[in-house]
Amino acid sequence: MKKKTVFFLSVAVLFVSLDFYAQTFYSDPLAHTYSIVARDPETGEMGVAVQSHWFSVGSIVSWAEAGVGAIATQSFVNASFGPRGLELLKQGKTAQEAVKILIDSDEGRDVRQLAIIDAKGNVATYTGKRCIAEAGHVTGENFSVQANMMLKNTVWKAMAKAFRKSRGPLAERLVVALEAAQAEGGDIRGKQSAAILVVKGKSTGKVWEDRLIDLRVEDHPEALQEIKRVLKVYRAYDYMNQGDLAIEKNDVEGALKAYGTAESMFPDNLEMKYWHAVSLANIGMVDDALPIFREVFQKDANWRTLTERLPAVNLLNVKKEALKKILSQK
């Protein structure tokens, strides 16, 4: 057989081998990334936060259920680890037992990275020996940080240090860990998407109430900064909701404080200003609401049109003269 023929046969065999290897181990979604799973021992809340140079990373990496636990499955992602891991925890398995069962049953275990924290704060993490360097993890009390395909092998250590030193609500502490990863070099490819998922420590049986925060940035050149901004927006709207609840309880002082806090966080947000004004009008403080209505109407006349429609659905309960006064603001 001629040397050239042997060469081409060898190359063909090589490509077939690579293709087989890819199909065997690498057919799952890629999410080379850094993430954290953690639990707040005071509130019981559990959460996952992640950033990657991969589109929509939160849709495959982050899993959590109130009263059960939180999971991050990454590297060459086995997405089934999320729902299967949560089911194992619900069956009474610890985080360590769940990780062992999932990894032992997976032929692609060498390229997987998995972290689980259960509702009791037990943590278990696995980094496969074929995860792309730099890859590793650190576990601590009520948290685990893990990363792969990082610029430097100090990323996950920096995350752990930052999380331990952080204070405040769990979601903000998760972001602190992500910021530490990025400051240390982060994903060697850069940034693209990020996500935060936080659930209650105990289940109420109402999924829509148990999932406290579920935020995603699917595609952005500064995904980490954007998820941080979106979390701030979430907090501001939460203050708006607190204001509405205070109004329902006739707590005018509490409502004004909550509305004021929300607006101070996003002073250019017309939506917040508008509903603040509507709430004031509904409790008889029309004169206080007028300058707010005026500012909103001046910037966007559509809000005046909306105001005309609110009385019909009982969202603006004022007398005709007061309504006329509100609509006359220019």
C-alpha atoms as a PDB file:
ATOM      1  CA  MET A   1       0.000   0.000   0.000  1.00  0.00           C
ATOM      2  CA  LYS A   2       1.356   3.419  -0.936  1.00  0.00           C
ATOM      3  CA  LYS A   3       2.449   5.807   1.825  1.00  0.00           C
ATOM      4  CA  LYS A   4      -0.041   8.454   0.689  1.00  0.00           C
ATOM      5  CA  THR A   5      -2.910   5.950   0.934  1.00  0.00           C
ATOM      6  CA  VAL A   6      -1.798   4.911   4.418  1.00  0.00           C
ATOM      7  CA  PHE A   7      -1.637   8.564   5.450  1.00  0.00           C
ATOM      8  CA  PHE A   8      -5.189   9.305   4.300  1.00  0.00           C
ATOM      9  CA  LEU A   9      -6.484   6.138   5.948  1.00  0.00           C
ATOM     10  CA  SER A  10      -4.792   7.161   9.206  1.00  0.00           C
ATOM     11  CA  VAL A  11      -6.356  10.615   9.043  1.00  0.00           C
ATOM     12  CA  ALA A  12      -9.757   9.075   8.334  1.00  0.00           C
ATOM     13  CA  VAL A  13      -9.418   6.770  11.327  1.00  0.00           C
ATOM     14  CA  LEU A  14      -8.396   9.732  13.482  1.00  0.00           C
ATOM     15  CA  PHE A  15     -11.467  11.749  12.497  1.00  0.00           C
ATOM     16  CA  VAL A  16     -13.753   8.765  13.061  1.00  0.00           C
ATOM     17  CA  SER A  17     -12.211   8.343  16.522  1.00  0.00           C
ATOM     18  CA  LEU A  18     -12.635  12.021  17.338  1.00  0.00           C
ATOM     19  CA  ASP A  19     -16.221  11.939  16.109  1.00  0.00           C
ATOM     20  CA  PHE A  20     -16.974   8.890  18.240  1.00  0.00           C
ATOM     21  CA  TYR A  21     -15.377  10.575  21.258  1.00  0.00           C
ATOM     22  CA  ALA A  22     -17.412  13.721  20.677  1.00  0.00           C
ATOM     23  CA  GLN A  23     -20.646  11.779  20.308  1.00  0.00           C
ATOM     24  CA  THR A  24     -19.884   9.724  23.405  1.00  0.00           C
ATOM     25  CA  PHE A  25     -18.846  12.512  25.761  1.00  0.00           C
ATOM     26  CA  TYR A  26     -19.538  15.873  24.186  1.00  0.00           C
ATOM     27  CA  SER A  27     -23.029  15.613  22.735  1.00  0.00           C
ATOM     28  CA  ASP A  28     -24.447  17.522  25.709  1.00  0.00           C
ATOM     29  CA  PRO A  29     -24.660  21.345  25.852  1.00  0.00           C
ATOM     30  CA  LEU A  30     -21.434  23.152  26.663  1.00  0.00           C
ATOM     31  CA  ALA A  31     -21.483  25.487  29.647  1.00  0.00           C
ATOM     32  CA  HIS A  32     -17.884  26.096  30.599  1.00  0.00           C
ATOM     33  CA  THR A  33     -18.433  28.536  33.367  1.00  0.00           C
ATOM     34  CA  TYR A  34     -18.194  29.568  36.977  1.00  0.00           C
ATOM     35  CA  SER A  35     -21.060  29.201  39.434  1.00  0.00           C
ATOM     36  CA  ILE A  36     -22.044  29.074  43.082  1.00  0.00           C
ATOM     37  CA  VAL A  37     -24.708  27.145  44.986  1.00  0.00           C
ATOM     38  CA  ALA A  38     -25.424  28.388  48.494  1.00  0.00           C
ATOM     39  CA  ARG A  39     -27.838  28.502  51.413  1.00  0.00           C
ATOM     40  CA  ASP A  40     -28.576  31.336  53.827  1.00  0.00           C
ATOM     41  CA  PRO A  41     -28.573  29.724  57.293  1.00  0.00           C
ATOM     42  CA  GLU A  42     -30.722  32.522  58.747  1.00  0.00           C
ATOM     43  CA  THR A  43     -33.558  32.502  56.191  1.00  0.00           C
ATOM     44  CA  GLY A  44     -33.078  29.013  54.797  1.00  0.00           C
ATOM     45  CA  GLU A  45     -33.105  30.429  51.268  1.00  0.00           C
ATOM     46  CA  MET A  46     -31.111  28.498  48.675  1.00  0.00           C
ATOM     47  CA  GLY A  47     -29.770  29.723  45.389  1.00  0.00           C
ATOM     48  CA  VAL A  48     -27.625  29.293  42.301  1.00  0.00           C
ATOM     49  CA  ALA A  49     -25.778  31.988  40.360  1.00  0.00           C
ATOM     50  CA  VAL A  50     -23.778  31.473  37.185  1.00  0.00           C
ATOM     51  CA  GLN A  51     -21.926  33.315  34.410  1.00  0.00           C
ATOM     52  CA  SER A  52     -20.545  31.919  31.180  1.00  0.00           C
ATOM     53  CA  HIS A  53     -19.420  32.726  27.664  1.00  0.00           C
ATOM     54  CA  TRP A  54     -22.355  30.659  26.425  1.00  0.00           C
ATOM     55  CA  PHE A  55     -25.865  31.638  25.374  1.00  0.00           C
ATOM     56  CA  SER A  56     -28.667  31.289  27.960  1.00  0.00           C
ATOM     57  CA  VAL A  57     -26.522  29.556  30.569  1.00  0.00           C
ATOM     58  CA  GLY A  58     -29.237  29.774  33.226  1.00  0.00           C
ATOM     59  CA  SER A  59     -31.593  27.562  31.231  1.00  0.00           C
ATOM     60  CA  ILE A  60     -29.374  24.494  31.617  1.00  0.00           C
ATOM     61  CA  VAL A  61     -27.050  25.063  34.591  1.00  0.00           C
ATOM     62  CA  SER A  62     -29.348  26.385  37.359  1.00  0.00           C
ATOM     63  CA  TRP A  63     -31.862  24.231  39.246  1.00  0.00           C
ATOM     64  CA  ALA A  64     -33.522  24.786  42.622  1.00  0.00           C
ATOM     65  CA  GLU A  65     -36.670  23.906  44.532  1.00  0.00           C
ATOM     66  CA  ALA A  66     -37.929  25.318  47.827  1.00  0.00           C
ATOM     67  CA  GLY A  67     -37.424  22.992  50.771  1.00  0.00           C
ATOM     68  CA  VAL A  68     -35.325  20.674  48.602  1.00  0.00           C
ATOM     69  CA  GLY A  69     -32.051  22.142  47.382  1.00  0.00           C
ATOM     70  CA  ALA A  70     -30.094  23.903  44.655  1.00  0.00           C
ATOM     71  CA  ILE A  71     -27.991  22.422  41.854  1.00  0.00           C
ATOM     72  CA  ALA A  72     -25.454  23.629  39.297  1.00  0.00           C
ATOM     73  CA  THR A  73     -24.637  21.210  36.457  1.00  0.00           C
ATOM     74  CA  GLN A  74     -21.977  22.456  34.057  1.00  0.00           C
ATOM     75  CA  SER A  75     -18.894  21.811  31.890  1.00  0.00           C
ATOM     76  CA  PHE A  76     -20.270  19.417  29.230  1.00  0.00           C
ATOM     77  CA  VAL A  77     -23.692  19.673  30.833  1.00  0.00           C
ATOM     78  CA  ASN A  78     -25.778  16.673  31.731  1.00  0.00           C
ATOM     79  CA  ALA A  79     -29.009  18.651  32.093  1.00  0.00           C
ATOM     80  CA  SER A  80     -30.789  15.643  33.624  1.00  0.00           C
ATOM     81  CA  PHE A  81     -28.670  16.128  36.756  1.00  0.00           C
ATOM     82  CA  GLY A  82     -30.928  19.074  37.636  1.00  0.00           C
ATOM     83  CA  PRO A  83     -34.364  17.436  37.870  1.00  0.00           C
ATOM     84  CA  ARG A  84     -32.935  14.033  38.828  1.00  0.00           C
ATOM     85  CA  GLY A  85     -30.833  15.563  41.585  1.00  0.00           C
ATOM     86  CA  LEU A  86     -33.799  17.419  43.051  1.00  0.00           C
ATOM     87  CA  GLU A  87     -35.854  14.225  42.938  1.00  0.00           C
ATOM     88  CA  LEU A  88     -33.139  12.322  44.806  1.00  0.00           C
ATOM     89  CA  LEU A  89     -33.098  15.021  47.496  1.00  0.00           C
ATOM     90  CA  LYS A  90     -36.887  14.776  47.810  1.00  0.00           C
ATOM     91  CA  GLN A  91     -36.469  11.042  48.340  1.00  0.00           C
ATOM     92  CA  GLY A  92     -34.345  11.806  51.389  1.00  0.00           C
ATOM     93  CA  LYS A  93     -30.885  11.508  49.870  1.00  0.00           C
ATOM     94  CA  THR A  94     -28.224  13.926  51.111  1.00  0.00           C
ATOM     95  CA  ALA A  95     -26.319  16.164  48.722  1.00  0.00           C
ATOM     96  CA  GLN A  96     -23.338  13.770  48.916  1.00  0.00           C
ATOM     97  CA  GLU A  97     -25.497  10.733  48.159  1.00  0.00           C
ATOM     98  CA  ALA A  98     -27.219  12.489  45.263  1.00  0.00           C
ATOM     99  CA  VAL A  99     -23.936  13.524  43.639  1.00  0.00           C
ATOM    100  CA  LYS A 100     -22.535  10.001  43.948  1.00  0.00           C
ATOM    101  CA  ILE A 101     -25.627   8.415  42.395  1.00  0.00           C
ATOM    102  CA  LEU A 102     -25.683  10.862  39.487  1.00  0.00           C
ATOM    103  CA  ILE A 103     -21.970  10.672  38.745  1.00  0.00           C
ATOM    104  CA  ASP A 104     -21.714   6.900  39.109  1.00  0.00           C
ATOM    105  CA  SER A 105     -24.549   6.441  36.603  1.00  0.00           C
ATOM    106  CA  ASP A 106     -23.004   8.726  33.959  1.00  0.00           C
ATOM    107  CA  GLU A 107     -20.568   7.423  31.324  1.00  0.00           C
ATOM    108  CA  GLY A 108     -19.524  11.022  30.640  1.00  0.00           C
ATOM    109  CA  ARG A 109     -18.594  11.668  34.263  1.00  0.00           C
ATOM    110  CA  ASP A 110     -15.029  12.657  33.379  1.00  0.00           C
ATOM    111  CA  VAL A 111     -16.202  15.827  31.626  1.00  0.00           C
ATOM    112  CA  ARG A 112     -18.918  16.783  34.120  1.00  0.00           C
ATOM    113  CA  GLN A 113     -18.942  19.341  36.891  1.00  0.00           C
ATOM    114  CA  LEU A 114     -21.737  19.162  39.444  1.00  0.00           C
ATOM    115  CA  ALA A 115     -22.573  20.911  42.725  1.00  0.00           C
ATOM    116  CA  ILE A 116     -25.521  20.236  45.029  1.00  0.00           C
ATOM    117  CA  ILE A 117     -26.627  21.843  48.286  1.00  0.00           C
ATOM    118  CA  ASP A 118     -29.601  20.435  50.177  1.00  0.00           C
ATOM    119  CA  ALA A 119     -32.083  22.144  52.470  1.00  0.00           C
ATOM    120  CA  LYS A 120     -30.007  21.239  55.531  1.00  0.00           C
ATOM    121  CA  GLY A 121     -26.917  22.925  54.147  1.00  0.00           C
ATOM    122  CA  ASN A 122     -25.093  19.730  53.166  1.00  0.00           C
ATOM    123  CA  VAL A 123     -22.857  20.378  50.151  1.00  0.00           C
ATOM    124  CA  ALA A 124     -21.249  18.054  47.611  1.00  0.00           C
ATOM    125  CA  THR A 125     -19.281  18.874  44.472  1.00  0.00           C
ATOM    126  CA  TYR A 126     -17.621  16.907  41.688  1.00  0.00           C
ATOM    127  CA  THR A 127     -15.148  18.024  39.018  1.00  0.00           C
ATOM    128  CA  GLY A 128     -14.337  15.449  36.344  1.00  0.00           C
ATOM    129  CA  LYS A 129     -10.707  14.793  35.478  1.00  0.00           C
ATOM    130  CA  ARG A 130     -11.281  15.782  31.849  1.00  0.00           C
ATOM    131  CA  CYS A 131     -12.964  19.137  32.529  1.00  0.00           C
ATOM    132  CA  ILE A 132     -11.037  21.726  30.545  1.00  0.00           C
ATOM    133  CA  ALA A 133      -8.385  23.524  32.576  1.00  0.00           C
ATOM    134  CA  GLU A 134      -8.358  25.546  34.573  1.00  0.00           C
ATOM    135  CA  ALA A 135     -11.047  23.671  36.509  1.00  0.00           C
ATOM    136  CA  GLY A 136     -11.788  23.045  40.174  1.00  0.00           C
ATOM    137  CA  HIS A 137     -14.043  23.752  43.125  1.00  0.00           C
ATOM    138  CA  VAL A 138     -14.107  24.788  46.779  1.00  0.00           C
ATOM    139  CA  THR A 139     -16.792  23.752  49.252  1.00  0.00           C
ATOM    140  CA  GLY A 140     -17.504  25.498  52.518  1.00  0.00           C
ATOM    141  CA  GLU A 141     -20.204  25.866  55.139  1.00  0.00           C
ATOM    142  CA  ASN A 142     -23.490  26.294  53.262  1.00  0.00           C
ATOM    143  CA  PHE A 143     -21.884  26.871  49.838  1.00  0.00           C
ATOM    144  CA  SER A 144     -19.877  25.494  46.962  1.00  0.00           C
ATOM    145  CA  VAL A 145     -18.112  27.368  44.151  1.00  0.00           C
ATOM    146  CA  GLN A 146     -16.986  25.635  40.978  1.00  0.00           C
ATOM    147  CA  ALA A 147     -15.460  26.640  37.662  1.00  0.00           C
ATOM    148  CA  ASN A 148     -13.956  25.224  34.492  1.00  0.00           C
ATOM    149  CA  MET A 149     -12.187  26.644  31.432  1.00  0.00           C
ATOM    150  CA  MET A 150     -11.017  29.576  33.547  1.00  0.00           C
ATOM    151  CA  LEU A 151      -8.145  31.883  32.727  1.00  0.00           C
ATOM    152  CA  LYS A 152      -6.444  31.051  36.035  1.00  0.00           C
ATOM    153  CA  ASN A 153      -6.676  28.303  38.644  1.00  0.00           C
ATOM    154  CA  THR A 154      -7.276  30.859  41.398  1.00  0.00           C
ATOM    155  CA  VAL A 155     -10.809  31.763  40.249  1.00  0.00           C
ATOM    156  CA  TRP A 156     -12.791  29.423  42.493  1.00  0.00           C
ATOM    157  CA  LYS A 157     -10.630  30.219  45.515  1.00  0.00           C
ATOM    158  CA  ALA A 158     -11.338  33.922  45.001  1.00  0.00           C
ATOM    159  CA  MET A 159     -15.059  33.171  44.774  1.00  0.00           C
ATOM    160  CA  ALA A 160     -15.010  31.261  48.053  1.00  0.00           C
ATOM    161  CA  LYS A 161     -13.111  34.008  49.844  1.00  0.00           C
ATOM    162  CA  ALA A 162     -15.473  36.713  48.572  1.00  0.00           C
ATOM    163  CA  PHE A 163     -18.599  34.767  49.507  1.00  0.00           C
ATOM    164  CA  ARG A 164     -17.373  34.046  53.015  1.00  0.00           C
ATOM    165  CA  LYS A 165     -16.693  37.743  53.604  1.00  0.00           C
ATOM    166  CA  SER A 166     -19.954  38.974  52.037  1.00  0.00           C
ATOM    167  CA  ARG A 167     -23.015  40.159  53.946  1.00  0.00           C
ATOM    168  CA  GLY A 168     -26.638  40.907  53.053  1.00  0.00           C
ATOM    169  CA  PRO A 169     -29.383  39.040  51.146  1.00  0.00           C
ATOM    170  CA  LEU A 170     -28.390  35.745  49.546  1.00  0.00           C
ATOM    171  CA  ALA A 171     -28.894  36.921  45.947  1.00  0.00           C
ATOM    172  CA  GLU A 172     -26.533  39.862  46.372  1.00  0.00           C
ATOM    173  CA  ARG A 173     -23.971  37.607  48.052  1.00  0.00           C
ATOM    174  CA  LEU A 174     -24.124  35.247  45.078  1.00  0.00           C
ATOM    175  CA  VAL A 175     -23.352  38.168  42.782  1.00  0.00           C
ATOM    176  CA  VAL A 176     -20.374  39.106  44.949  1.00  0.00           C
ATOM    177  CA  ALA A 177     -18.940  35.635  44.325  1.00  0.00           C
ATOM    178  CA  LEU A 178     -19.440  35.974  40.570  1.00  0.00           C
ATOM    179  CA  GLU A 179     -17.771  39.383  40.584  1.00  0.00           C
ATOM    180  CA  ALA A 180     -14.788  37.922  42.412  1.00  0.00           C
ATOM    181  CA  ALA A 181     -14.481  35.248  39.728  1.00  0.00           C
ATOM    182  CA  GLN A 182     -14.498  37.814  36.964  1.00  0.00           C
ATOM    183  CA  ALA A 183     -12.006  40.032  38.759  1.00  0.00           C
ATOM    184  CA  GLU A 184      -9.675  37.033  38.991  1.00  0.00           C
ATOM    185  CA  GLY A 185      -9.850  36.474  35.227  1.00  0.00           C
ATOM    186  CA  GLY A 186     -13.058  34.518  34.823  1.00  0.00           C
ATOM    187  CA  ASP A 187     -13.956  32.425  31.787  1.00  0.00           C
ATOM    188  CA  ILE A 188     -10.984  32.371  29.417  1.00  0.00           C
ATOM    189  CA  ARG A 189     -13.368  33.153  26.519  1.00  0.00           C
ATOM    190  CA  GLY A 190     -15.076  36.138  28.126  1.00  0.00           C
ATOM    191  CA  LYS A 191     -18.689  36.897  29.098  1.00  0.00           C
ATOM    192  CA  GLN A 192     -22.088  36.305  27.502  1.00  0.00           C
ATOM    193  CA  SER A 193     -24.878  35.198  29.835  1.00  0.00           C
ATOM    194  CA  ALA A 194     -25.675  35.047  33.542  1.00  0.00           C
ATOM    195  CA  ALA A 195     -28.463  33.934  35.860  1.00  0.00           C
ATOM    196  CA  ILE A 196     -29.614  34.034  39.484  1.00  0.00           C
ATOM    197  CA  LEU A 197     -32.144  31.618  40.976  1.00  0.00           C
ATOM    198  CA  VAL A 198     -33.225  31.822  44.643  1.00  0.00           C
ATOM    199  CA  VAL A 199     -35.942  29.778  46.376  1.00  0.00           C
ATOM    200  CA  LYS A 200     -37.410  29.654  49.863  1.00  0.00           C
ATOM    201  CA  GLY A 201     -35.974  27.374  52.501  1.00  0.00           C
ATOM    202  CA  LYS A 202     -39.349  25.737  53.103  1.00  0.00           C
ATOM    203  CA  SER A 203     -41.960  24.949  50.504  1.00  0.00           C
ATOM    204  CA  THR A 204     -45.439  26.427  50.764  1.00  0.00           C
ATOM    205  CA  GLY A 205     -46.708  24.133  48.034  1.00  0.00           C
ATOM    206  CA  LYS A 206     -47.093  27.180  45.784  1.00  0.00           C
ATOM    207  CA  VAL A 207     -44.257  27.206  43.245  1.00  0.00           C
ATOM    208  CA  TRP A 208     -45.089  30.757  42.172  1.00  0.00           C
ATOM    209  CA  GLU A 209     -44.475  31.972  45.712  1.00  0.00           C
ATOM    210  CA  ASP A 210     -41.577  29.687  46.571  1.00  0.00           C
ATOM    211  CA  ARG A 211     -39.384  30.870  43.684  1.00  0.00           C
ATOM    212  CA  LEU A 212     -38.226  34.215  45.056  1.00  0.00           C
ATOM    213  CA  ILE A 213     -35.832  35.348  42.336  1.00  0.00           C
ATOM    214  CA  ASP A 214     -35.447  33.964  38.828  1.00  0.00           C
ATOM    215  CA  LEU A 215     -33.432  36.367  36.684  1.00  0.00           C
ATOM    216  CA  ARG A 216     -31.527  35.728  33.468  1.00  0.00           C
ATOM    217  CA  VAL A 217     -29.385  37.676  31.053  1.00  0.00           C
ATOM    218  CA  GLU A 218     -29.298  35.522  27.955  1.00  0.00           C
ATOM    219  CA  ASP A 219     -26.861  37.420  25.722  1.00  0.00           C
ATOM    220  CA  HIS A 220     -24.943  40.541  26.719  1.00  0.00           C
ATOM    221  CA  PRO A 221     -21.333  41.766  26.337  1.00  0.00           C
ATOM    222  CA  GLU A 222     -21.276  42.592  30.069  1.00  0.00           C
ATOM    223  CA  ALA A 223     -23.548  39.849  31.346  1.00  0.00           C
ATOM    224  CA  LEU A 224     -22.403  40.049  34.948  1.00  0.00           C
ATOM    225  CA  GLN A 225     -22.950  43.786  35.253  1.00  0.00           C
ATOM    226  CA  GLU A 226     -26.316  43.414  33.544  1.00  0.00           C
ATOM    227  CA  ILE A 227     -27.521  40.677  35.919  1.00  0.00           C
ATOM    228  CA  LYS A 228     -26.431  42.903  38.799  1.00  0.00           C
ATOM    229  CA  ARG A 229     -28.461  45.780  37.321  1.00  0.00           C
ATOM    230  CA  VAL A 230     -31.497  43.549  36.778  1.00  0.00           C
ATOM    231  CA  LEU A 231     -31.295  42.364  40.395  1.00  0.00           C
ATOM    232  CA  LYS A 232     -31.372  46.002  41.470  1.00  0.00           C
ATOM    233  CA  VAL A 233     -34.477  46.550  39.309  1.00  0.00           C
ATOM    234  CA  TYR A 234     -36.052  43.533  40.987  1.00  0.00           C
ATOM    235  CA  ARG A 235     -35.371  45.033  44.417  1.00  0.00           C
ATOM    236  CA  ALA A 236     -36.826  48.386  43.356  1.00  0.00           C
ATOM    237  CA  TYR A 237     -40.063  46.799  42.124  1.00  0.00           C
ATOM    238  CA  ASP A 238     -40.225  44.807  45.341  1.00  0.00           C
ATOM    239  CA  TYR A 239     -40.273  48.125  47.203  1.00  0.00           C
ATOM    240  CA  MET A 240     -43.120  49.219  44.912  1.00  0.00           C
ATOM    241  CA  ASN A 241     -45.039  46.082  45.893  1.00  0.00           C
ATOM    242  CA  GLN A 242     -44.365  46.824  49.566  1.00  0.00           C
ATOM    243  CA  GLY A 243     -45.758  50.295  49.005  1.00  0.00           C
ATOM    244  CA  ASP A 244     -48.927  48.891  47.479  1.00  0.00           C
ATOM    245  CA  LEU A 245     -49.394  46.519  50.407  1.00  0.00           C
ATOM    246  CA  ALA A 246     -48.901  49.384  52.848  1.00  0.00           C
ATOM    247  CA  ILE A 247     -51.595  51.366  51.033  1.00  0.00           C
ATOM    248  CA  GLU A 248     -53.996  48.429  51.403  1.00  0.00           C
ATOM    249  CA  LYS A 249     -53.325  48.511  55.158  1.00  0.00           C
ATOM    250  CA  ASN A 250     -53.773  52.311  55.326  1.00  0.00           C
ATOM    251  CA  ASP A 251     -50.114  52.672  56.264  1.00  0.00           C
ATOM    252  CA  VAL A 252     -49.513  55.903  54.339  1.00  0.00           C
ATOM    253  CA  GLU A 253     -46.156  56.619  55.952  1.00  0.00           C
ATOM    254  CA  GLY A 254     -44.896  53.111  55.175  1.00  0.00           C
ATOM    255  CA  ALA A 255     -46.157  53.347  51.606  1.00  0.00           C
ATOM    256  CA  LEU A 256     -44.481  56.685  50.930  1.00  0.00           C
ATOM    257  CA  LYS A 257     -41.218  55.369  52.357  1.00  0.00           C
ATOM    258  CA  ALA A 258     -41.335  52.260  50.162  1.00  0.00           C
ATOM    259  CA  TYR A 259     -42.249  54.202  47.017  1.00  0.00           C
ATOM    260  CA  GLY A 260     -39.548  56.750  47.749  1.00  0.00           C
ATOM    261  CA  THR A 261     -36.916  54.023  48.128  1.00  0.00           C
ATOM    262  CA  ALA A 262     -37.915  52.442  44.812  1.00  0.00           C
ATOM    263  CA  GLU A 263     -37.783  55.744  42.953  1.00  0.00           C
ATOM    264  CA  SER A 264     -34.442  56.686  44.479  1.00  0.00           C
ATOM    265  CA  MET A 265     -32.999  53.498  43.024  1.00  0.00           C
ATOM    266  CA  PHE A 266     -34.288  54.295  39.521  1.00  0.00           C
ATOM    267  CA  PRO A 267     -35.148  58.012  39.380  1.00  0.00           C
ATOM    268  CA  ASP A 268     -35.885  57.947  35.637  1.00  0.00           C
ATOM    269  CA  ASN A 269     -38.387  55.100  35.780  1.00  0.00           C
ATOM    270  CA  LEU A 270     -41.779  56.541  34.771  1.00  0.00           C
ATOM    271  CA  GLU A 271     -43.643  53.359  35.648  1.00  0.00           C
ATOM    272  CA  MET A 272     -42.703  53.643  39.318  1.00  0.00           C
ATOM    273  CA  LYS A 273     -43.503  57.344  39.454  1.00  0.00           C
ATOM    274  CA  TYR A 274     -46.855  56.848  37.780  1.00  0.00           C
ATOM    275  CA  TRP A 275     -48.208  54.144  40.087  1.00  0.00           C
ATOM    276  CA  HIS A 276     -46.888  56.069  43.061  1.00  0.00           C
ATOM    277  CA  ALA A 277     -49.044  59.007  41.926  1.00  0.00           C
ATOM    278  CA  VAL A 278     -52.067  56.760  41.363  1.00  0.00           C
ATOM    279  CA  SER A 279     -51.719  55.327  44.866  1.00  0.00           C
ATOM    280  CA  LEU A 280     -51.517  58.809  46.383  1.00  0.00           C
ATOM    281  CA  ALA A 281     -54.620  59.898  44.494  1.00  0.00           C
ATOM    282  CA  ASN A 282     -56.532  56.823  45.616  1.00  0.00           C
ATOM    283  CA  ILE A 283     -55.934  57.630  49.295  1.00  0.00           C
ATOM    284  CA  GLY A 284     -57.082  61.215  48.846  1.00  0.00           C
ATOM    285  CA  MET A 285     -53.662  62.850  48.449  1.00  0.00           C
ATOM    286  CA  VAL A 286     -54.441  64.224  44.995  1.00  0.00           C
ATOM    287  CA  ASP A 287     -52.524  67.481  45.482  1.00  0.00           C
ATOM    288  CA  ASP A 288     -49.398  65.511  46.368  1.00  0.00           C
ATOM    289  CA  ALA A 289     -49.898  63.323  43.293  1.00  0.00           C
ATOM    290  CA  LEU A 290     -50.324  66.180  40.804  1.00  0.00           C
ATOM    291  CA  PRO A 291     -46.637  67.130  40.357  1.00  0.00           C
ATOM    292  CA  ILE A 292     -45.760  63.483  39.836  1.00  0.00           C
ATOM    293  CA  PHE A 293     -48.503  63.089  37.221  1.00  0.00           C
ATOM    294  CA  ARG A 294     -47.278  66.274  35.547  1.00  0.00           C
ATOM    295  CA  GLU A 295     -43.710  65.006  35.288  1.00  0.00           C
ATOM    296  CA  VAL A 296     -44.823  61.668  33.864  1.00  0.00           C
ATOM    297  CA  PHE A 297     -47.274  63.193  31.347  1.00  0.00           C
ATOM    298  CA  GLN A 298     -44.662  65.650  30.126  1.00  0.00           C
ATOM    299  CA  LYS A 299     -42.256  62.840  29.329  1.00  0.00           C
ATOM    300  CA  ASP A 300     -44.805  60.481  27.768  1.00  0.00           C
ATOM    301  CA  ALA A 301     -48.375  61.476  26.886  1.00  0.00           C
ATOM    302  CA  ASN A 302     -49.491  57.848  26.722  1.00  0.00           C
ATOM    303  CA  TRP A 303     -49.640  57.800  30.525  1.00  0.00           C
ATOM    304  CA  ARG A 304     -52.366  60.466  30.394  1.00  0.00           C
ATOM    305  CA  THR A 305     -54.350  58.246  28.020  1.00  0.00           C
ATOM    306  CA  LEU A 306     -53.914  55.324  30.377  1.00  0.00           C
ATOM    307  CA  THR A 307     -55.141  57.468  33.283  1.00  0.00           C
ATOM    308  CA  GLU A 308     -58.400  58.126  31.434  1.00  0.00           C
ATOM    309  CA  ARG A 309     -59.015  54.382  31.310  1.00  0.00           C
ATOM    310  CA  LEU A 310     -58.294  53.511  34.945  1.00  0.00           C
ATOM    311  CA  PRO A 311     -61.568  54.663  36.579  1.00  0.00           C
ATOM    312  CA  ALA A 312     -63.545  52.174  34.461  1.00  0.00           C
ATOM    313  CA  VAL A 313     -61.693  49.273  36.076  1.00  0.00           C
ATOM    314  CA  ASN A 314     -61.562  50.818  39.571  1.00  0.00           C
ATOM    315  CA  LEU A 315     -57.815  51.371  39.563  1.00  0.00           C
ATOM    316  CA  LEU A 316     -58.207  55.121  39.993  1.00  0.00           C
ATOM    317  CA  ASN A 317     -60.967  55.975  42.442  1.00  0.00           C
ATOM    318  CA  VAL A 318     -61.299  59.758  42.515  1.00  0.00           C
ATOM    319  CA  LYS A 319     -64.145  62.187  41.986  1.00  0.00           C
ATOM    320  CA  LYS A 320     -64.732  63.664  38.536  1.00  0.00           C
ATOM    321  CA  GLU A 321     -63.274  67.013  39.522  1.00  0.00           C
ATOM    322  CA  ALA A 322     -60.126  65.379  40.846  1.00  0.00           C
ATOM    323  CA  LEU A 323     -59.794  63.297  37.671  1.00  0.00           C
ATOM    324  CA  LYS A 324     -60.176  66.403  35.557  1.00  0.00           C
ATOM    325  CA  LYS A 325     -57.492  68.108  37.609  1.00  0.00           C
ATOM    326  CA  ILE A 326     -55.132  65.178  37.154  1.00  0.00           C
ATOM    327  CA  LEU A 327     -55.665  64.987  33.393  1.00  0.00           C
ATOM    328  CA  SER A 328     -55.088  68.741  33.039  1.00  0.00           C
ATOM    329  CA  GLN A 329     -51.477  68.419  34.178  1.00  0.00           C
ATOM    330  CA  LYS A 330     -49.121  69.471  31.384  1.00  0.00           C
END
